[in-house]
N, C-alpha and C. Protein backbone atom coordinates (compact mmCIF):
# COMPACT_ATOMS: atom_id res chain seq x y z
N GLU A 1 -2.74 -11.15 22.46
CA GLU A 1 -2.60 -10.95 21.03
C GLU A 1 -1.60 -9.83 20.78
N SER A 2 -0.84 -9.96 19.71
CA SER A 2 0.13 -8.92 19.36
C SER A 2 0.14 -8.73 17.84
N PHE A 3 0.80 -7.65 17.43
CA PHE A 3 0.73 -7.24 16.03
C PHE A 3 2.12 -6.92 15.48
N HIS A 4 2.32 -7.19 14.19
CA HIS A 4 3.58 -6.86 13.51
C HIS A 4 3.67 -5.36 13.21
N ARG A 5 2.53 -4.74 12.96
CA ARG A 5 2.49 -3.31 12.63
C ARG A 5 1.31 -2.66 13.36
N ILE A 6 1.58 -1.48 13.89
CA ILE A 6 0.54 -0.70 14.56
C ILE A 6 0.61 0.73 14.03
N LEU A 7 -0.52 1.23 13.58
CA LEU A 7 -0.65 2.64 13.23
C LEU A 7 -1.37 3.30 14.39
N LEU A 8 -0.64 4.10 15.15
CA LEU A 8 -1.20 4.77 16.32
C LEU A 8 -1.50 6.23 15.97
N ASP A 9 -2.77 6.54 15.89
CA ASP A 9 -3.25 7.89 15.58
C ASP A 9 -4.16 8.31 16.73
N PRO A 10 -3.55 8.66 17.88
CA PRO A 10 -4.35 8.93 19.08
C PRO A 10 -5.07 10.27 18.99
N PRO A 11 -6.10 10.44 19.81
CA PRO A 11 -6.77 11.75 19.86
C PRO A 11 -5.73 12.84 20.16
N CYS A 12 -5.87 13.97 19.46
CA CYS A 12 -4.92 15.06 19.66
C CYS A 12 -5.65 16.39 19.66
N SER A 13 -4.90 17.46 19.86
CA SER A 13 -5.47 18.80 19.91
C SER A 13 -5.94 19.29 18.54
N ALA A 14 -5.54 18.64 17.48
CA ALA A 14 -5.96 18.96 16.11
C ALA A 14 -5.55 20.38 15.68
N LEU A 15 -4.48 20.88 16.23
CA LEU A 15 -4.04 22.23 15.86
C LEU A 15 -3.65 22.31 14.39
N GLY A 16 -3.32 21.18 13.79
CA GLY A 16 -2.97 21.16 12.38
C GLY A 16 -4.17 21.29 11.46
N LEU A 17 -5.37 21.23 12.01
CA LEU A 17 -6.58 21.35 11.20
C LEU A 17 -7.07 22.79 11.11
N ARG A 18 -6.30 23.71 11.62
CA ARG A 18 -6.69 25.11 11.59
C ARG A 18 -6.45 25.66 10.19
N PRO A 19 -7.01 26.71 9.72
CA PRO A 19 -7.73 27.69 10.53
C PRO A 19 -9.19 27.28 10.75
N LYS A 20 -9.68 27.60 11.90
CA LYS A 20 -11.09 27.46 12.22
C LYS A 20 -11.59 28.83 12.67
N LEU A 21 -12.85 29.04 12.56
CA LEU A 21 -13.39 30.33 12.95
C LEU A 21 -13.48 30.50 14.45
N GLN A 22 -13.47 29.38 15.17
CA GLN A 22 -13.49 29.45 16.63
C GLN A 22 -12.66 28.30 17.18
N MET A 23 -12.17 28.47 18.40
CA MET A 23 -11.39 27.43 19.05
C MET A 23 -12.31 26.30 19.48
N ASP A 24 -11.81 25.10 19.39
CA ASP A 24 -12.52 23.93 19.89
C ASP A 24 -12.74 24.11 21.39
N GLU A 25 -13.89 23.77 21.85
CA GLU A 25 -14.21 23.94 23.27
C GLU A 25 -13.29 23.13 24.18
N THR A 26 -12.69 22.07 23.66
CA THR A 26 -11.83 21.24 24.50
C THR A 26 -10.42 21.80 24.63
N VAL A 27 -10.04 22.77 23.80
CA VAL A 27 -8.70 23.36 23.86
C VAL A 27 -8.84 24.85 24.13
N GLN A 28 -8.77 25.23 25.39
CA GLN A 28 -8.90 26.63 25.77
C GLN A 28 -7.64 27.17 26.44
N THR A 29 -6.84 26.27 27.05
CA THR A 29 -5.67 26.71 27.81
C THR A 29 -4.48 25.81 27.47
N VAL A 30 -3.31 26.24 27.91
CA VAL A 30 -2.10 25.42 27.75
C VAL A 30 -2.27 24.10 28.50
N GLN A 31 -2.91 24.14 29.64
CA GLN A 31 -3.16 22.90 30.41
C GLN A 31 -4.02 21.93 29.61
N ASP A 32 -4.98 22.45 28.85
CA ASP A 32 -5.80 21.58 28.00
C ASP A 32 -4.91 20.85 26.98
N LEU A 33 -3.93 21.57 26.42
CA LEU A 33 -3.01 20.94 25.47
C LEU A 33 -2.19 19.85 26.14
N ARG A 34 -1.76 20.09 27.36
CA ARG A 34 -0.96 19.09 28.08
C ARG A 34 -1.76 17.80 28.34
N LYS A 35 -3.07 17.94 28.52
CA LYS A 35 -3.91 16.77 28.77
C LYS A 35 -3.88 15.81 27.58
N TYR A 36 -3.80 16.36 26.38
CA TYR A 36 -3.72 15.50 25.20
C TYR A 36 -2.45 14.65 25.24
N ALA A 37 -1.34 15.25 25.59
CA ALA A 37 -0.08 14.50 25.66
C ALA A 37 -0.17 13.40 26.72
N GLU A 38 -0.77 13.69 27.85
CA GLU A 38 -0.93 12.68 28.90
C GLU A 38 -1.79 11.52 28.39
N TYR A 39 -2.87 11.85 27.70
CA TYR A 39 -3.78 10.86 27.16
C TYR A 39 -3.06 10.01 26.09
N GLN A 40 -2.25 10.65 25.26
CA GLN A 40 -1.52 9.93 24.22
C GLN A 40 -0.52 8.95 24.82
N ARG A 41 0.09 9.30 25.94
CA ARG A 41 1.04 8.37 26.59
C ARG A 41 0.35 7.07 26.98
N LYS A 42 -0.92 7.13 27.34
CA LYS A 42 -1.68 5.92 27.68
C LYS A 42 -1.85 5.04 26.44
N PHE A 43 -2.16 5.65 25.32
CA PHE A 43 -2.28 4.90 24.07
C PHE A 43 -0.94 4.25 23.71
N ILE A 44 0.13 5.02 23.86
CA ILE A 44 1.47 4.52 23.52
C ILE A 44 1.83 3.32 24.39
N SER A 45 1.58 3.41 25.69
CA SER A 45 1.95 2.30 26.58
C SER A 45 1.23 1.01 26.18
N LYS A 46 -0.01 1.12 25.76
CA LYS A 46 -0.76 -0.07 25.31
C LYS A 46 -0.23 -0.58 23.97
N ALA A 47 0.07 0.36 23.07
CA ALA A 47 0.55 -0.04 21.74
C ALA A 47 1.89 -0.76 21.83
N VAL A 48 2.79 -0.27 22.68
CA VAL A 48 4.11 -0.90 22.81
C VAL A 48 3.95 -2.34 23.32
N VAL A 49 3.05 -2.56 24.24
CA VAL A 49 2.81 -3.91 24.78
C VAL A 49 2.26 -4.83 23.67
N LEU A 50 1.42 -4.29 22.80
CA LEU A 50 0.80 -5.09 21.75
C LEU A 50 1.70 -5.33 20.54
N LEU A 51 2.80 -4.57 20.44
CA LEU A 51 3.69 -4.68 19.29
C LEU A 51 4.63 -5.88 19.45
N LYS A 52 4.66 -6.74 18.44
CA LYS A 52 5.57 -7.89 18.46
C LYS A 52 7.01 -7.40 18.39
N ALA A 53 7.92 -8.19 18.94
CA ALA A 53 9.35 -7.87 18.84
C ALA A 53 9.72 -7.75 17.36
N GLY A 54 10.40 -6.67 17.02
CA GLY A 54 10.77 -6.43 15.63
C GLY A 54 9.67 -5.78 14.81
N GLY A 55 8.52 -5.51 15.45
CA GLY A 55 7.40 -4.89 14.74
C GLY A 55 7.62 -3.40 14.53
N ILE A 56 6.70 -2.80 13.81
CA ILE A 56 6.80 -1.38 13.47
C ILE A 56 5.56 -0.66 13.97
N MET A 57 5.78 0.42 14.72
CA MET A 57 4.69 1.28 15.14
C MET A 57 4.87 2.64 14.47
N THR A 58 3.84 3.10 13.80
CA THR A 58 3.82 4.43 13.22
C THR A 58 2.96 5.30 14.11
N TYR A 59 3.53 6.43 14.57
CA TYR A 59 2.81 7.37 15.43
C TYR A 59 2.45 8.58 14.60
N SER A 60 1.17 8.95 14.62
CA SER A 60 0.69 10.01 13.75
C SER A 60 -0.30 10.90 14.49
N THR A 61 -0.18 12.22 14.29
CA THR A 61 -1.18 13.16 14.80
C THR A 61 -1.48 14.20 13.73
N CYS A 62 -2.56 14.94 13.93
CA CYS A 62 -2.91 16.03 13.01
C CYS A 62 -2.67 17.38 13.68
N THR A 63 -1.66 17.43 14.52
CA THR A 63 -1.32 18.67 15.20
C THR A 63 0.13 19.02 14.95
N PHE A 64 0.47 20.26 15.19
CA PHE A 64 1.87 20.67 15.12
C PHE A 64 2.40 21.01 16.49
N HIS A 65 1.67 20.67 17.54
CA HIS A 65 2.09 20.97 18.91
C HIS A 65 3.26 20.07 19.29
N VAL A 66 4.35 20.67 19.72
CA VAL A 66 5.60 19.96 20.01
C VAL A 66 5.40 18.87 21.06
N ALA A 67 4.60 19.14 22.08
CA ALA A 67 4.38 18.15 23.15
C ALA A 67 3.70 16.89 22.64
N GLU A 68 2.97 17.01 21.55
CA GLU A 68 2.26 15.86 20.99
C GLU A 68 3.03 15.19 19.86
N ASN A 69 4.14 15.75 19.47
CA ASN A 69 4.92 15.20 18.37
C ASN A 69 6.37 14.93 18.79
N GLU A 70 7.24 15.92 18.64
CA GLU A 70 8.66 15.70 18.94
C GLU A 70 8.88 15.24 20.38
N GLU A 71 8.21 15.88 21.33
CA GLU A 71 8.38 15.47 22.73
C GLU A 71 7.79 14.08 22.99
N MET A 72 6.75 13.72 22.26
CA MET A 72 6.18 12.38 22.43
C MET A 72 7.12 11.32 21.88
N VAL A 73 7.76 11.61 20.76
CA VAL A 73 8.75 10.67 20.22
C VAL A 73 9.90 10.52 21.21
N ARG A 74 10.36 11.62 21.79
CA ARG A 74 11.42 11.56 22.81
C ARG A 74 10.96 10.71 24.00
N HIS A 75 9.72 10.88 24.42
CA HIS A 75 9.15 10.07 25.52
C HIS A 75 9.20 8.58 25.17
N ILE A 76 8.78 8.25 23.97
CA ILE A 76 8.78 6.83 23.55
C ILE A 76 10.20 6.28 23.60
N LEU A 77 11.16 7.01 23.05
CA LEU A 77 12.54 6.52 23.02
C LEU A 77 13.14 6.41 24.41
N ASP A 78 12.79 7.34 25.31
CA ASP A 78 13.33 7.31 26.68
C ASP A 78 12.69 6.23 27.54
N GLU A 79 11.39 6.03 27.38
CA GLU A 79 10.65 5.10 28.25
C GLU A 79 10.66 3.66 27.76
N TYR A 80 10.86 3.45 26.49
CA TYR A 80 10.77 2.10 25.91
C TYR A 80 12.04 1.79 25.13
N PRO A 81 13.04 1.21 25.80
CA PRO A 81 14.33 0.93 25.13
C PRO A 81 14.19 0.01 23.92
N CYS A 82 13.09 -0.72 23.84
CA CYS A 82 12.88 -1.61 22.70
C CYS A 82 12.51 -0.84 21.43
N MET A 83 12.18 0.44 21.58
CA MET A 83 11.74 1.25 20.44
C MET A 83 12.91 2.07 19.89
N SER A 84 12.92 2.28 18.59
CA SER A 84 13.93 3.12 17.95
C SER A 84 13.33 3.77 16.71
N LEU A 85 13.97 4.85 16.26
CA LEU A 85 13.53 5.52 15.05
C LEU A 85 13.98 4.73 13.83
N MET A 86 13.16 4.76 12.82
CA MET A 86 13.51 4.12 11.55
C MET A 86 13.40 5.16 10.45
N PRO A 87 14.28 5.11 9.48
CA PRO A 87 14.14 6.04 8.34
C PRO A 87 12.92 5.67 7.50
N ILE A 88 12.34 6.66 6.88
CA ILE A 88 11.25 6.44 5.95
C ILE A 88 11.81 6.65 4.56
N GLN A 89 11.65 5.66 3.71
CA GLN A 89 12.25 5.69 2.38
C GLN A 89 11.19 6.02 1.34
N PHE A 90 11.49 6.97 0.47
CA PHE A 90 10.60 7.36 -0.61
C PHE A 90 11.28 7.14 -1.94
N GLY A 91 10.50 6.87 -2.94
CA GLY A 91 11.01 6.79 -4.31
C GLY A 91 12.11 5.77 -4.47
N ASP A 92 13.25 6.21 -5.00
CA ASP A 92 14.35 5.30 -5.32
C ASP A 92 15.25 5.00 -4.13
N GLY A 93 14.90 5.53 -2.95
CA GLY A 93 15.70 5.23 -1.76
C GLY A 93 16.68 6.30 -1.39
N ASP A 94 16.88 7.30 -2.23
CA ASP A 94 17.82 8.38 -1.91
C ASP A 94 17.21 9.40 -0.95
N ASP A 95 15.90 9.50 -0.96
CA ASP A 95 15.21 10.46 -0.11
C ASP A 95 14.76 9.74 1.17
N MET A 96 15.40 10.07 2.30
CA MET A 96 15.06 9.42 3.56
C MET A 96 14.77 10.49 4.59
N ILE A 97 13.72 10.26 5.39
CA ILE A 97 13.41 11.15 6.49
C ILE A 97 13.21 10.30 7.74
N GLY A 98 13.24 10.95 8.90
CA GLY A 98 12.99 10.23 10.14
C GLY A 98 14.21 10.08 11.02
N LEU A 99 15.39 10.31 10.49
CA LEU A 99 16.61 10.23 11.28
C LEU A 99 17.39 11.52 11.10
N PRO A 100 18.20 11.88 12.10
CA PRO A 100 19.00 13.10 11.95
C PRO A 100 19.94 13.00 10.75
N GLY A 101 20.19 14.16 10.12
CA GLY A 101 21.18 14.21 9.06
C GLY A 101 20.66 14.31 7.69
């Protein structure tokens, strides 16, 4: 089975949900943060296989950790030549994000 659109919101470190009064027990070290990125790569590999040719995958996290966002997008583009960035269009079409420039 395959899909035209996939919204991939994998488990993440949730650093974007701060401030919290205490650190989550699962995130205590830099190595703990790296584990999330490794885990997310597994989700990505499955999602790419399930995505139909010409389909759209949206990747979303609630963290601001670079390894789980910008570096993950770089990983997707490097590892899966079938994937590319698409601009996101808002309003009348003049406001676009998602591509350089």
